[in-house]
């Protein structure tokens, strides 16, 4: 299983993965504001500031995910869960392993989508 580098844990990686689409939504909403003519200049300025601040943060977080090899880390969890499904006896552990496979695959798909958008 791929390990995260020293000083980075699963909470860091999850925060980063979830913050990227959050920032992307803020940018999309800001761009909607900028596309209108009847918006207060202070709101236009705020929208421009949001885009200027959050776009570079998205790029930074995507670089972190690349560097951390998060996709490999999640694939390792799927491999371990599949191993216990193949060889384990406990139905409770098997149910958890199936849940892990499903949730990790959803997160892998999200990360692949995020990387493909770059």
PDB file of N, CA and C in Angstrom:
ATOM      1  N   UNK A   1       0.852  -1.181   0.000  1.00  0.00           N
ATOM      2  CA  UNK A   1       0.000   0.000   0.000  1.00  0.00           C
ATOM      3  C   UNK A   1       0.885   1.228   0.000  1.00  0.00           C
ATOM      4  N   UNK A   2       0.630   2.141  -0.910  1.00  0.00           N
ATOM      5  CA  UNK A   2       1.410   3.364  -0.957  1.00  0.00           C
ATOM      6  C   UNK A   2       1.185   4.186   0.298  1.00  0.00           C
ATOM      7  N   UNK A   3       2.267   4.687   0.860  1.00  0.00           N
ATOM      8  CA  UNK A   3       2.156   5.486   2.079  1.00  0.00           C
ATOM      9  C   UNK A   3       2.225   6.953   1.734  1.00  0.00           C
ATOM     10  N   UNK A   4       1.547   7.751   2.541  1.00  0.00           N
ATOM     11  CA  UNK A   4       1.661   9.199   2.419  1.00  0.00           C
ATOM     12  C   UNK A   4       3.016   9.611   2.967  1.00  0.00           C
ATOM     13  N   UNK A   5       3.566  10.706   2.470  1.00  0.00           N
ATOM     14  CA  UNK A   5       4.876  11.138   2.976  1.00  0.00           C
ATOM     15  C   UNK A   5       4.790  11.581   4.435  1.00  0.00           C
ATOM     16  N   UNK A   6       5.942  11.623   5.103  1.00  0.00           N
ATOM     17  CA  UNK A   6       5.985  12.098   6.481  1.00  0.00           C
ATOM     18  C   UNK A   6       5.358  13.482   6.571  1.00  0.00           C
ATOM     19  N   UNK A   7       4.603  13.701   7.632  1.00  0.00           N
ATOM     20  CA  UNK A   7       3.985  15.005   7.849  1.00  0.00           C
ATOM     21  C   UNK A   7       2.649  15.173   7.151  1.00  0.00           C
ATOM     22  N   UNK A   8       2.162  14.133   6.464  1.00  0.00           N
ATOM     23  CA  UNK A   8       0.874  14.166   5.765  1.00  0.00           C
ATOM     24  C   UNK A   8       0.099  12.928   6.184  1.00  0.00           C
ATOM     25  N   UNK A   9      -1.163  13.116   6.585  1.00  0.00           N
ATOM     26  CA  UNK A   9      -1.963  11.945   6.935  1.00  0.00           C
ATOM     27  C   UNK A   9      -3.253  11.916   6.115  1.00  0.00           C
ATOM     28  N   UNK A  10      -4.084  10.926   6.382  1.00  0.00           N
ATOM     29  CA  UNK A  10      -5.316  10.739   5.611  1.00  0.00           C
ATOM     30  C   UNK A  10      -6.238  11.950   5.725  1.00  0.00           C
ATOM     31  N   UNK A  11      -6.277  12.585   6.906  1.00  0.00           N
ATOM     32  CA  UNK A  11      -7.124  13.774   7.075  1.00  0.00           C
ATOM     33  C   UNK A  11      -6.654  14.901   6.161  1.00  0.00           C
ATOM     34  N   UNK A  12      -5.332  15.068   6.033  1.00  0.00           N
ATOM     35  CA  UNK A  12      -4.786  16.090   5.134  1.00  0.00           C
ATOM     36  C   UNK A  12      -5.208  15.813   3.695  1.00  0.00           C
ATOM     37  N   UNK A  13      -5.078  14.562   3.292  1.00  0.00           N
ATOM     38  CA  UNK A  13      -5.406  14.187   1.916  1.00  0.00           C
ATOM     39  C   UNK A  13      -6.899  14.357   1.641  1.00  0.00           C
ATOM     40  N   UNK A  14      -7.744  13.947   2.598  1.00  0.00           N
ATOM     41  CA  UNK A  14      -9.186  14.068   2.400  1.00  0.00           C
ATOM     42  C   UNK A  14      -9.599  15.541   2.321  1.00  0.00           C
ATOM     43  N   UNK A  15      -9.043  16.364   3.206  1.00  0.00           N
ATOM     44  CA  UNK A  15      -9.322  17.804   3.169  1.00  0.00           C
ATOM     45  C   UNK A  15      -8.978  18.369   1.799  1.00  0.00           C
ATOM     46  N   UNK A  16      -7.808  18.009   1.299  1.00  0.00           N
ATOM     47  CA  UNK A  16      -7.349  18.518   0.014  1.00  0.00           C
ATOM     48  C   UNK A  16      -8.276  18.065  -1.107  1.00  0.00           C
ATOM     49  N   UNK A  17      -8.657  16.788  -1.100  1.00  0.00           N
ATOM     50  CA  UNK A  17      -9.532  16.273  -2.149  1.00  0.00           C
ATOM     51  C   UNK A  17     -10.896  16.952  -2.139  1.00  0.00           C
ATOM     52  N   UNK A  18     -11.416  17.230  -0.955  1.00  0.00           N
ATOM     53  CA  UNK A  18     -12.742  17.821  -0.870  1.00  0.00           C
ATOM     54  C   UNK A  18     -12.722  19.339  -1.070  1.00  0.00           C
ATOM     55  N   UNK A  19     -11.611  19.969  -0.781  1.00  0.00           N
ATOM     56  CA  UNK A  19     -11.539  21.426  -0.918  1.00  0.00           C
ATOM     57  C   UNK A  19     -11.436  21.841  -2.387  1.00  0.00           C
ATOM     58  N   UNK A  20     -10.867  21.004  -3.232  1.00  0.00           N
ATOM     59  CA  UNK A  20     -10.731  21.357  -4.649  1.00  0.00           C
ATOM     60  C   UNK A  20     -12.104  21.624  -5.285  1.00  0.00           C
ATOM     61  N   UNK A  21     -13.066  20.698  -5.198  1.00  0.00           N
ATOM     62  CA  UNK A  21     -14.367  21.013  -5.806  1.00  0.00           C
ATOM     63  C   UNK A  21     -15.081  22.175  -5.112  1.00  0.00           C
ATOM     64  N   UNK A  22     -14.849  22.344  -3.819  1.00  0.00           N
ATOM     65  CA  UNK A  22     -15.439  23.475  -3.100  1.00  0.00           C
ATOM     66  C   UNK A  22     -14.932  24.789  -3.692  1.00  0.00           C
ATOM     67  N   UNK A  23     -13.628  24.887  -3.896  1.00  0.00           N
ATOM     68  CA  UNK A  23     -13.044  26.085  -4.507  1.00  0.00           C
ATOM     69  C   UNK A  23     -13.537  26.262  -5.941  1.00  0.00           C
ATOM     70  N   UNK A  24     -13.639  25.151  -6.678  1.00  0.00           N
ATOM     71  CA  UNK A  24     -14.108  25.238  -8.065  1.00  0.00           C
ATOM     72  C   UNK A  24     -15.528  25.807  -8.123  1.00  0.00           C
ATOM     73  N   UNK A  25     -16.363  25.427  -7.170  1.00  0.00           N
ATOM     74  CA  UNK A  25     -17.724  25.972  -7.129  1.00  0.00           C
ATOM     75  C   UNK A  25     -17.704  27.468  -6.845  1.00  0.00           C
ATOM     76  N   UNK A  26     -16.837  27.902  -5.939  1.00  0.00           N
ATOM     77  CA  UNK A  26     -16.743  29.336  -5.623  1.00  0.00           C
ATOM     78  C   UNK A  26     -16.306  30.124  -6.857  1.00  0.00           C
ATOM     79  N   UNK A  27     -15.382  29.559  -7.606  1.00  0.00           N
ATOM     80  CA  UNK A  27     -14.925  30.227  -8.830  1.00  0.00           C
ATOM     81  C   UNK A  27     -16.051  30.287  -9.855  1.00  0.00           C
ATOM     82  N   UNK A  28     -16.784  29.189 -10.017  1.00  0.00           N
ATOM     83  CA  UNK A  28     -17.902  29.172 -10.967  1.00  0.00           C
ATOM     84  C   UNK A  28     -18.951  30.217 -10.602  1.00  0.00           C
ATOM     85  N   UNK A  29     -19.274  30.316  -9.300  1.00  0.00           N
ATOM     86  CA  UNK A  29     -20.260  31.319  -8.872  1.00  0.00           C
ATOM     87  C   UNK A  29     -19.735  32.736  -9.120  1.00  0.00           C
ATOM     88  N   UNK A  30     -18.449  32.934  -8.872  1.00  0.00           N
ATOM     89  CA  UNK A  30     -17.850  34.248  -9.112  1.00  0.00           C
ATOM     90  C   UNK A  30     -17.877  34.599 -10.587  1.00  0.00           C
ATOM     91  N   UNK A  31     -17.612  33.627 -11.442  1.00  0.00           N
ATOM     92  CA  UNK A  31     -17.641  33.875 -12.877  1.00  0.00           C
ATOM     93  C   UNK A  31     -19.051  34.223 -13.359  1.00  0.00           C
ATOM     94  N   UNK A  32     -20.061  33.626 -12.706  1.00  0.00           N
ATOM     95  CA  UNK A  32     -21.446  33.985 -13.041  1.00  0.00           C
ATOM     96  C   UNK A  32     -21.714  35.453 -12.729  1.00  0.00           C
ATOM     97  N   UNK A  33     -21.196  35.908 -11.596  1.00  0.00           N
ATOM     98  CA  UNK A  33     -21.352  37.316 -11.210  1.00  0.00           C
ATOM     99  C   UNK A  33     -20.673  38.214 -12.235  1.00  0.00           C
ATOM    100  N   UNK A  34     -19.464  37.829 -12.633  1.00  0.00           N
ATOM    101  CA  UNK A  34     -18.705  38.661 -13.582  1.00  0.00           C
ATOM    102  C   UNK A  34     -19.352  38.690 -14.959  1.00  0.00           C
ATOM    103  N   UNK A  35     -20.211  37.724 -15.241  1.00  0.00           N
ATOM    104  CA  UNK A  35     -20.867  37.674 -16.538  1.00  0.00           C
ATOM    105  C   UNK A  35     -22.091  38.561 -16.642  1.00  0.00           C
ATOM    106  N   UNK A  36     -22.424  39.262 -15.579  1.00  0.00           N
ATOM    107  CA  UNK A  36     -23.613  40.129 -15.575  1.00  0.00           C
ATOM    108  C   UNK A  36     -23.203  41.592 -15.553  1.00  0.00           C
ATOM    109  N   UNK A  37     -24.063  42.417 -16.116  1.00  0.00           N
ATOM    110  CA  UNK A  37     -23.780  43.857 -16.193  1.00  0.00           C
ATOM    111  C   UNK A  37     -24.383  44.648 -15.033  1.00  0.00           C
ATOM    112  N   UNK A  38     -25.350  44.080 -14.348  1.00  0.00           N
ATOM    113  CA  UNK A  38     -26.108  44.833 -13.347  1.00  0.00           C
ATOM    114  C   UNK A  38     -25.660  44.555 -11.912  1.00  0.00           C
ATOM    115  N   UNK A  39     -24.403  44.201 -11.727  1.00  0.00           N
ATOM    116  CA  UNK A  39     -23.896  43.822 -10.408  1.00  0.00           C
ATOM    117  C   UNK A  39     -23.149  44.995  -9.773  1.00  0.00           C
ATOM    118  N   UNK A  40     -23.371  45.174  -8.490  1.00  0.00           N
ATOM    119  CA  UNK A  40     -22.696  46.210  -7.702  1.00  0.00           C
ATOM    120  C   UNK A  40     -21.182  46.058  -7.849  1.00  0.00           C
ATOM    121  N   UNK A  41     -20.460  47.160  -8.071  1.00  0.00           N
ATOM    122  CA  UNK A  41     -19.002  47.089  -8.255  1.00  0.00           C
ATOM    123  C   UNK A  41     -18.262  46.429  -7.088  1.00  0.00           C
ATOM    124  N   UNK A  42     -18.772  46.568  -5.865  1.00  0.00           N
ATOM    125  CA  UNK A  42     -18.122  45.915  -4.726  1.00  0.00           C
ATOM    126  C   UNK A  42     -18.238  44.402  -4.813  1.00  0.00           C
ATOM    127  N   UNK A  43     -19.357  43.919  -5.316  1.00  0.00           N
ATOM    128  CA  UNK A  43     -19.555  42.476  -5.488  1.00  0.00           C
ATOM    129  C   UNK A  43     -18.669  41.971  -6.617  1.00  0.00           C
ATOM    130  N   UNK A  44     -18.540  42.752  -7.682  1.00  0.00           N
ATOM    131  CA  UNK A  44     -17.642  42.391  -8.785  1.00  0.00           C
ATOM    132  C   UNK A  44     -16.212  42.274  -8.259  1.00  0.00           C
ATOM    133  N   UNK A  45     -15.803  43.234  -7.431  1.00  0.00           N
ATOM    134  CA  UNK A  45     -14.454  43.206  -6.864  1.00  0.00           C
ATOM    135  C   UNK A  45     -14.249  41.961  -6.001  1.00  0.00           C
ATOM    136  N   UNK A  46     -15.250  41.618  -5.192  1.00  0.00           N
ATOM    137  CA  UNK A  46     -15.166  40.419  -4.355  1.00  0.00           C
ATOM    138  C   UNK A  46     -15.042  39.169  -5.225  1.00  0.00           C
ATOM    139  N   UNK A  47     -15.837  39.083  -6.274  1.00  0.00           N
ATOM    140  CA  UNK A  47     -15.778  37.922  -7.171  1.00  0.00           C
ATOM    141  C   UNK A  47     -14.391  37.791  -7.798  1.00  0.00           C
ATOM    142  N   UNK A  48     -13.822  38.912  -8.215  1.00  0.00           N
ATOM    143  CA  UNK A  48     -12.477  38.887  -8.792  1.00  0.00           C
ATOM    144  C   UNK A  48     -11.442  38.440  -7.766  1.00  0.00           C
ATOM    145  N   UNK A  49     -11.606  38.883  -6.503  1.00  0.00           N
ATOM    146  CA  UNK A  49     -10.679  38.482  -5.444  1.00  0.00           C
ATOM    147  C   UNK A  49     -10.791  36.987  -5.149  1.00  0.00           C
ATOM    148  N   UNK A  50     -12.007  36.466  -5.157  1.00  0.00           N
ATOM    149  CA  UNK A  50     -12.214  35.031  -4.924  1.00  0.00           C
ATOM    150  C   UNK A  50     -11.500  34.221  -5.990  1.00  0.00           C
ATOM    151  N   UNK A  51     -11.673  34.598  -7.242  1.00  0.00           N
ATOM    152  CA  UNK A  51     -11.020  33.882  -8.336  1.00  0.00           C
ATOM    153  C   UNK A  51      -9.508  33.971  -8.205  1.00  0.00           C
ATOM    154  N   UNK A  52      -9.006  35.167  -7.917  1.00  0.00           N
ATOM    155  CA  UNK A  52      -7.555  35.372  -7.814  1.00  0.00           C
ATOM    156  C   UNK A  52      -6.943  34.563  -6.673  1.00  0.00           C
ATOM    157  N   UNK A  53      -7.669  34.384  -5.587  1.00  0.00           N
ATOM    158  CA  UNK A  53      -7.139  33.661  -4.438  1.00  0.00           C
ATOM    159  C   UNK A  53      -7.302  32.149  -4.578  1.00  0.00           C
ATOM    160  N   UNK A  54      -8.454  31.705  -5.076  1.00  0.00           N
ATOM    161  CA  UNK A  54      -8.755  30.284  -5.030  1.00  0.00           C
ATOM    162  C   UNK A  54      -8.228  29.503  -6.218  1.00  0.00           C
ATOM    163  N   UNK A  55      -8.044  30.142  -7.355  1.00  0.00           N
ATOM    164  CA  UNK A  55      -7.497  29.423  -8.502  1.00  0.00           C
ATOM    165  C   UNK A  55      -6.079  28.909  -8.220  1.00  0.00           C
ATOM    166  N   UNK A  56      -5.169  29.748  -7.689  1.00  0.00           N
ATOM    167  CA  UNK A  56      -3.837  29.228  -7.360  1.00  0.00           C
ATOM    168  C   UNK A  56      -3.867  28.161  -6.257  1.00  0.00           C
ATOM    169  N   UNK A  57      -4.817  28.275  -5.331  1.00  0.00           N
ATOM    170  CA  UNK A  57      -4.928  27.263  -4.280  1.00  0.00           C
ATOM    171  C   UNK A  57      -5.346  25.917  -4.860  1.00  0.00           C
ATOM    172  N   UNK A  58      -6.237  25.930  -5.856  1.00  0.00           N
ATOM    173  CA  UNK A  58      -6.629  24.688  -6.529  1.00  0.00           C
ATOM    174  C   UNK A  58      -5.402  24.043  -7.172  1.00  0.00           C
ATOM    175  N   UNK A  59      -4.624  24.838  -7.883  1.00  0.00           N
ATOM    176  CA  UNK A  59      -3.422  24.303  -8.533  1.00  0.00           C
ATOM    177  C   UNK A  59      -2.466  23.699  -7.520  1.00  0.00           C
ATOM    178  N   UNK A  60      -2.277  24.379  -6.394  1.00  0.00           N
ATOM    179  CA  UNK A  60      -1.389  23.880  -5.352  1.00  0.00           C
ATOM    180  C   UNK A  60      -1.896  22.552  -4.791  1.00  0.00           C
ATOM    181  N   UNK A  61      -3.180  22.482  -4.492  1.00  0.00           N
ATOM    182  CA  UNK A  61      -3.736  21.247  -3.933  1.00  0.00           C
ATOM    183  C   UNK A  61      -3.658  20.094  -4.925  1.00  0.00           C
ATOM    184  N   UNK A  62      -3.874  20.371  -6.203  1.00  0.00           N
ATOM    185  CA  UNK A  62      -3.744  19.316  -7.209  1.00  0.00           C
ATOM    186  C   UNK A  62      -2.305  18.821  -7.292  1.00  0.00           C
ATOM    187  N   UNK A  63      -1.349  19.736  -7.187  1.00  0.00           N
ATOM    188  CA  UNK A  63       0.060  19.333  -7.166  1.00  0.00           C
ATOM    189  C   UNK A  63       0.349  18.458  -5.955  1.00  0.00           C
ATOM    190  N   UNK A  64      -0.195  18.824  -4.794  1.00  0.00           N
ATOM    191  CA  UNK A  64       0.002  17.998  -3.597  1.00  0.00           C
ATOM    192  C   UNK A  64      -0.510  16.581  -3.827  1.00  0.00           C
ATOM    193  N   UNK A  65      -1.719  16.482  -4.374  1.00  0.00           N
ATOM    194  CA  UNK A  65      -2.287  15.148  -4.607  1.00  0.00           C
ATOM    195  C   UNK A  65      -1.403  14.339  -5.545  1.00  0.00           C
ATOM    196  N   UNK A  66      -0.881  14.983  -6.587  1.00  0.00           N
ATOM    197  CA  UNK A  66       0.046  14.293  -7.485  1.00  0.00           C
ATOM    198  C   UNK A  66       1.264  13.799  -6.718  1.00  0.00           C
ATOM    199  N   UNK A  67       1.842  14.695  -5.914  1.00  0.00           N
ATOM    200  CA  UNK A  67       3.056  14.355  -5.169  1.00  0.00           C
ATOM    201  C   UNK A  67       2.806  13.256  -4.145  1.00  0.00           C
ATOM    202  N   UNK A  68       1.643  13.262  -3.520  1.00  0.00           N
ATOM    203  CA  UNK A  68       1.361  12.300  -2.460  1.00  0.00           C
ATOM    204  C   UNK A  68       0.989  10.923  -2.995  1.00  0.00           C
ATOM    205  N   UNK A  69       0.707  10.826  -4.296  1.00  0.00           N
ATOM    206  CA  UNK A  69       0.332   9.521  -4.846  1.00  0.00           C
ATOM    207  C   UNK A  69      -0.950   8.990  -4.204  1.00  0.00           C
ATOM    208  N   UNK A  70      -1.920   9.902  -3.942  1.00  0.00           N
ATOM    209  CA  UNK A  70      -3.133   9.460  -3.213  1.00  0.00           C
ATOM    210  C   UNK A  70      -3.868   8.355  -3.919  1.00  0.00           C
ATOM    211  N   UNK A  71      -3.867   8.373  -5.286  1.00  0.00           N
ATOM    212  CA  UNK A  71      -4.581   7.325  -6.020  1.00  0.00           C
ATOM    213  C   UNK A  71      -3.970   5.962  -5.683  1.00  0.00           C
ATOM    214  N   UNK A  72      -2.623   5.885  -5.656  1.00  0.00           N
ATOM    215  CA  UNK A  72      -1.959   4.624  -5.312  1.00  0.00           C
ATOM    216  C   UNK A  72      -2.310   4.205  -3.895  1.00  0.00           C
ATOM    217  N   UNK A  73      -2.375   5.165  -2.996  1.00  0.00           N
ATOM    218  CA  UNK A  73      -2.722   4.891  -1.602  1.00  0.00           C
ATOM    219  C   UNK A  73      -4.114   4.256  -1.517  1.00  0.00           C
ATOM    220  N   UNK A  74      -5.074   4.803  -2.236  1.00  0.00           N
ATOM    221  CA  UNK A  74      -6.432   4.278  -2.221  1.00  0.00           C
ATOM    222  C   UNK A  74      -6.504   2.915  -2.912  1.00  0.00           C
ATOM    223  N   UNK A  75      -5.741   2.742  -4.001  1.00  0.00           N
ATOM    224  CA  UNK A  75      -5.729   1.446  -4.669  1.00  0.00           C
ATOM    225  C   UNK A  75      -5.193   0.364  -3.742  1.00  0.00           C
ATOM    226  N   UNK A  76      -4.233   0.733  -2.894  1.00  0.00           N
ATOM    227  CA  UNK A  76      -3.708  -0.215  -1.911  1.00  0.00           C
ATOM    228  C   UNK A  76      -4.779  -0.651  -0.933  1.00  0.00           C
ATOM    229  N   UNK A  77      -5.638   0.272  -0.523  1.00  0.00           N
ATOM    230  CA  UNK A  77      -6.732  -0.070   0.390  1.00  0.00           C
ATOM    231  C   UNK A  77      -7.702  -1.041  -0.282  1.00  0.00           C
ATOM    232  N   UNK A  78      -7.970  -0.821  -1.550  1.00  0.00           N
ATOM    233  CA  UNK A  78      -8.855  -1.733  -2.288  1.00  0.00           C
ATOM    234  C   UNK A  78      -8.221  -3.119  -2.371  1.00  0.00           C
ATOM    235  N   UNK A  79      -6.927  -3.183  -2.642  1.00  0.00           N
ATOM    236  CA  UNK A  79      -6.233  -4.476  -2.711  1.00  0.00           C
ATOM    237  C   UNK A  79      -6.334  -5.219  -1.377  1.00  0.00           C
ATOM    238  N   UNK A  80      -6.107  -4.501  -0.277  1.00  0.00           N
ATOM    239  CA  UNK A  80      -6.191  -5.143   1.038  1.00  0.00           C
ATOM    240  C   UNK A  80      -7.611  -5.618   1.331  1.00  0.00           C
ATOM    241  N   UNK A  81      -8.602  -4.792   0.985  1.00  0.00           N
ATOM    242  CA  UNK A  81      -9.990  -5.176   1.226  1.00  0.00           C
ATOM    243  C   UNK A  81     -10.372  -6.385   0.373  1.00  0.00           C
ATOM    244  N   UNK A  82      -9.906  -6.413  -0.865  1.00  0.00           N
ATOM    245  CA  UNK A  82     -10.191  -7.570  -1.728  1.00  0.00           C
ATOM    246  C   UNK A  82      -9.534  -8.830  -1.172  1.00  0.00           C
ATOM    247  N   UNK A  83      -8.327  -8.659  -0.616  1.00  0.00           N
ATOM    248  CA  UNK A  83      -7.639  -9.800  -0.014  1.00  0.00           C
ATOM    249  C   UNK A  83      -8.423 -10.412   1.127  1.00  0.00           C
ATOM    250  N   UNK A  84      -9.014  -9.583   1.975  1.00  0.00           N
ATOM    251  CA  UNK A  84      -9.792 -10.129   3.087  1.00  0.00           C
ATOM    252  C   UNK A  84     -11.099 -10.727   2.590  1.00  0.00           C
ATOM    253  N   UNK A  85     -11.658 -10.191   1.509  1.00  0.00           N
ATOM    254  CA  UNK A  85     -12.859 -10.808   0.936  1.00  0.00           C
ATOM    255  C   UNK A  85     -12.544 -12.199   0.395  1.00  0.00           C
ATOM    256  N   UNK A  86     -11.351 -12.345  -0.187  1.00  0.00           N
ATOM    257  CA  UNK A  86     -10.946 -13.636  -0.748  1.00  0.00           C
ATOM    258  C   UNK A  86     -10.610 -14.657   0.336  1.00  0.00           C
ATOM    259  N   UNK A  87      -9.975 -14.221   1.423  1.00  0.00           N
ATOM    260  CA  UNK A  87      -9.399 -15.159   2.385  1.00  0.00           C
ATOM    261  C   UNK A  87     -10.001 -15.090   3.784  1.00  0.00           C
ATOM    262  N   UNK A  88     -10.731 -14.049   4.104  1.00  0.00           N
ATOM    263  CA  UNK A  88     -11.246 -13.884   5.459  1.00  0.00           C
ATOM    264  C   UNK A  88     -12.469 -14.733   5.741  1.00  0.00           C
ATOM    265  N   UNK A  89     -12.827 -14.813   7.027  1.00  0.00           N
ATOM    266  CA  UNK A  89     -13.987 -15.598   7.433  1.00  0.00           C
ATOM    267  C   UNK A  89     -15.102 -14.749   8.025  1.00  0.00           C
ATOM    268  N   UNK A  90     -14.767 -13.637   8.656  1.00  0.00           N
ATOM    269  CA  UNK A  90     -15.755 -12.827   9.359  1.00  0.00           C
ATOM    270  C   UNK A  90     -16.670 -12.100   8.381  1.00  0.00           C
ATOM    271  N   UNK A  91     -17.982 -12.271   8.596  1.00  0.00           N
ATOM    272  CA  UNK A  91     -18.930 -11.558   7.737  1.00  0.00           C
ATOM    273  C   UNK A  91     -18.906 -10.057   8.036  1.00  0.00           C
ATOM    274  N   UNK A  92     -18.635  -9.681   9.303  1.00  0.00           N
ATOM    275  CA  UNK A  92     -18.539  -8.267   9.652  1.00  0.00           C
ATOM    276  C   UNK A  92     -17.364  -7.605   8.922  1.00  0.00           C
ATOM    277  N   UNK A  93     -16.239  -8.287   8.918  1.00  0.00           N
ATOM    278  CA  UNK A  93     -15.057  -7.752   8.230  1.00  0.00           C
ATOM    279  C   UNK A  93     -15.322  -7.695   6.726  1.00  0.00           C
ATOM    280  N   UNK A  94     -15.987  -8.702   6.195  1.00  0.00           N
ATOM    281  CA  UNK A  94     -16.299  -8.727   4.761  1.00  0.00           C
ATOM    282  C   UNK A  94     -17.203  -7.555   4.387  1.00  0.00           C
ATOM    283  N   UNK A  95     -18.206  -7.267   5.219  1.00  0.00           N
ATOM    284  CA  UNK A  95     -19.091  -6.131   4.944  1.00  0.00           C
ATOM    285  C   UNK A  95     -18.315  -4.819   4.952  1.00  0.00           C
ATOM    286  N   UNK A  96     -17.425  -4.670   5.928  1.00  0.00           N
ATOM    287  CA  UNK A  96     -16.601  -3.463   5.985  1.00  0.00           C
ATOM    288  C   UNK A  96     -15.690  -3.388   4.760  1.00  0.00           C
ATOM    289  N   UNK A  97     -15.098  -4.501   4.376  1.00  0.00           N
ATOM    290  CA  UNK A  97     -14.210  -4.522   3.207  1.00  0.00           C
ATOM    291  C   UNK A  97     -14.959  -4.103   1.945  1.00  0.00           C
ATOM    292  N   UNK A  98     -16.191  -4.582   1.794  1.00  0.00           N
ATOM    293  CA  UNK A  98     -16.987  -4.187   0.629  1.00  0.00           C
ATOM    294  C   UNK A  98     -17.269  -2.691   0.640  1.00  0.00           C
ATOM    295  N   UNK A  99     -17.568  -2.153   1.814  1.00  0.00           N
ATOM    296  CA  UNK A  99     -17.801  -0.705   1.937  1.00  0.00           C
ATOM    297  C   UNK A  99     -16.536   0.072   1.595  1.00  0.00           C
ATOM    298  N   UNK A 100     -15.403  -0.405   2.084  1.00  0.00           N
ATOM    299  CA  UNK A 100     -14.129   0.261   1.787  1.00  0.00           C
ATOM    300  C   UNK A 100     -13.857   0.257   0.290  1.00  0.00           C
ATOM    301  N   UNK A 101     -14.083  -0.867  -0.360  1.00  0.00           N
ATOM    302  CA  UNK A 101     -13.864  -0.940  -1.809  1.00  0.00           C
ATOM    303  C   UNK A 101     -14.740   0.086  -2.526  1.00  0.00           C
ATOM    304  N   UNK A 102     -16.014   0.156  -2.150  1.00  0.00           N
ATOM    305  CA  UNK A 102     -16.934   1.094  -2.801  1.00  0.00           C
ATOM    306  C   UNK A 102     -16.514   2.547  -2.571  1.00  0.00           C
ATOM    307  N   UNK A 103     -16.226   2.903  -1.319  1.00  0.00           N
ATOM    308  CA  UNK A 103     -15.910   4.306  -1.031  1.00  0.00           C
ATOM    309  C   UNK A 103     -14.556   4.709  -1.593  1.00  0.00           C
ATOM    310  N   UNK A 104     -13.581   3.806  -1.522  1.00  0.00           N
ATOM    311  CA  UNK A 104     -12.270   4.138  -2.065  1.00  0.00           C
ATOM    312  C   UNK A 104     -12.341   4.301  -3.587  1.00  0.00           C
ATOM    313  N   UNK A 105     -13.170   3.480  -4.256  1.00  0.00           N
ATOM    314  CA  UNK A 105     -13.295   3.597  -5.706  1.00  0.00           C
ATOM    315  C   UNK A 105     -13.946   4.918  -6.090  1.00  0.00           C
ATOM    316  N   UNK A 106     -14.944   5.353  -5.323  1.00  0.00           N
ATOM    317  CA  UNK A 106     -15.573   6.656  -5.581  1.00  0.00           C
ATOM    318  C   UNK A 106     -14.531   7.765  -5.459  1.00  0.00           C
ATOM    319  N   UNK A 107     -13.685   7.675  -4.415  1.00  0.00           N
ATOM    320  CA  UNK A 107     -12.657   8.698  -4.223  1.00  0.00           C
ATOM    321  C   UNK A 107     -11.590   8.634  -5.320  1.00  0.00           C
ATOM    322  N   UNK A 108     -11.223   7.433  -5.761  1.00  0.00           N
ATOM    323  CA  UNK A 108     -10.272   7.296  -6.875  1.00  0.00           C
ATOM    324  C   UNK A 108     -10.850   7.940  -8.125  1.00  0.00           C
ATOM    325  N   UNK A 109     -12.129   7.671  -8.400  1.00  0.00           N
ATOM    326  CA  UNK A 109     -12.781   8.260  -9.573  1.00  0.00           C
ATOM    327  C   UNK A 109     -12.778   9.784  -9.487  1.00  0.00           C
ATOM    328  N   UNK A 110     -13.061  10.326  -8.289  1.00  0.00           N
ATOM    329  CA  UNK A 110     -13.038  11.778  -8.091  1.00  0.00           C
ATOM    330  C   UNK A 110     -11.636  12.335  -8.348  1.00  0.00           C
ATOM    331  N   UNK A 111     -10.625  11.671  -7.795  1.00  0.00           N
ATOM    332  CA  UNK A 111      -9.253  12.150  -7.995  1.00  0.00           C
ATOM    333  C   UNK A 111      -8.848  12.087  -9.464  1.00  0.00           C
ATOM    334  N   UNK A 112      -9.216  10.995 -10.140  1.00  0.00           N
ATOM    335  CA  UNK A 112      -8.906  10.897 -11.568  1.00  0.00           C
ATOM    336  C   UNK A 112      -9.606  11.992 -12.365  1.00  0.00           C
ATOM    337  N   UNK A 113     -10.858  12.285 -12.011  1.00  0.00           N
ATOM    338  CA  UNK A 113     -11.580  13.378 -12.677  1.00  0.00           C
ATOM    339  C   UNK A 113     -10.881  14.711 -12.442  1.00  0.00           C
ATOM    340  N   UNK A 114     -10.466  14.953 -11.200  1.00  0.00           N
ATOM    341  CA  UNK A 114      -9.784  16.204 -10.873  1.00  0.00           C
ATOM    342  C   UNK A 114      -8.483  16.335 -11.660  1.00  0.00           C
ATOM    343  N   UNK A 115      -7.741  15.242 -11.759  1.00  0.00           N
ATOM    344  CA  UNK A 115      -6.472  15.276 -12.487  1.00  0.00           C
ATOM    345  C   UNK A 115      -6.707  15.441 -13.988  1.00  0.00           C
ATOM    346  N   UNK A 116      -7.789  14.860 -14.504  1.00  0.00           N
ATOM    347  CA  UNK A 116      -8.078  14.963 -15.940  1.00  0.00           C
ATOM    348  C   UNK A 116      -8.478  16.377 -16.331  1.00  0.00           C
ATOM    349  N   UNK A 117      -9.045  17.123 -15.377  1.00  0.00           N
ATOM    350  CA  UNK A 117      -9.471  18.502 -15.663  1.00  0.00           C
ATOM    351  C   UNK A 117      -8.316  19.472 -15.734  1.00  0.00           C
ATOM    352  N   UNK A 118      -7.149  19.059 -15.292  1.00  0.00           N
ATOM    353  CA  UNK A 118      -6.006  19.964 -15.237  1.00  0.00           C
ATOM    354  C   UNK A 118      -5.477  20.298 -16.595  1.00  0.00           C
TER     355      UNK A 118
END
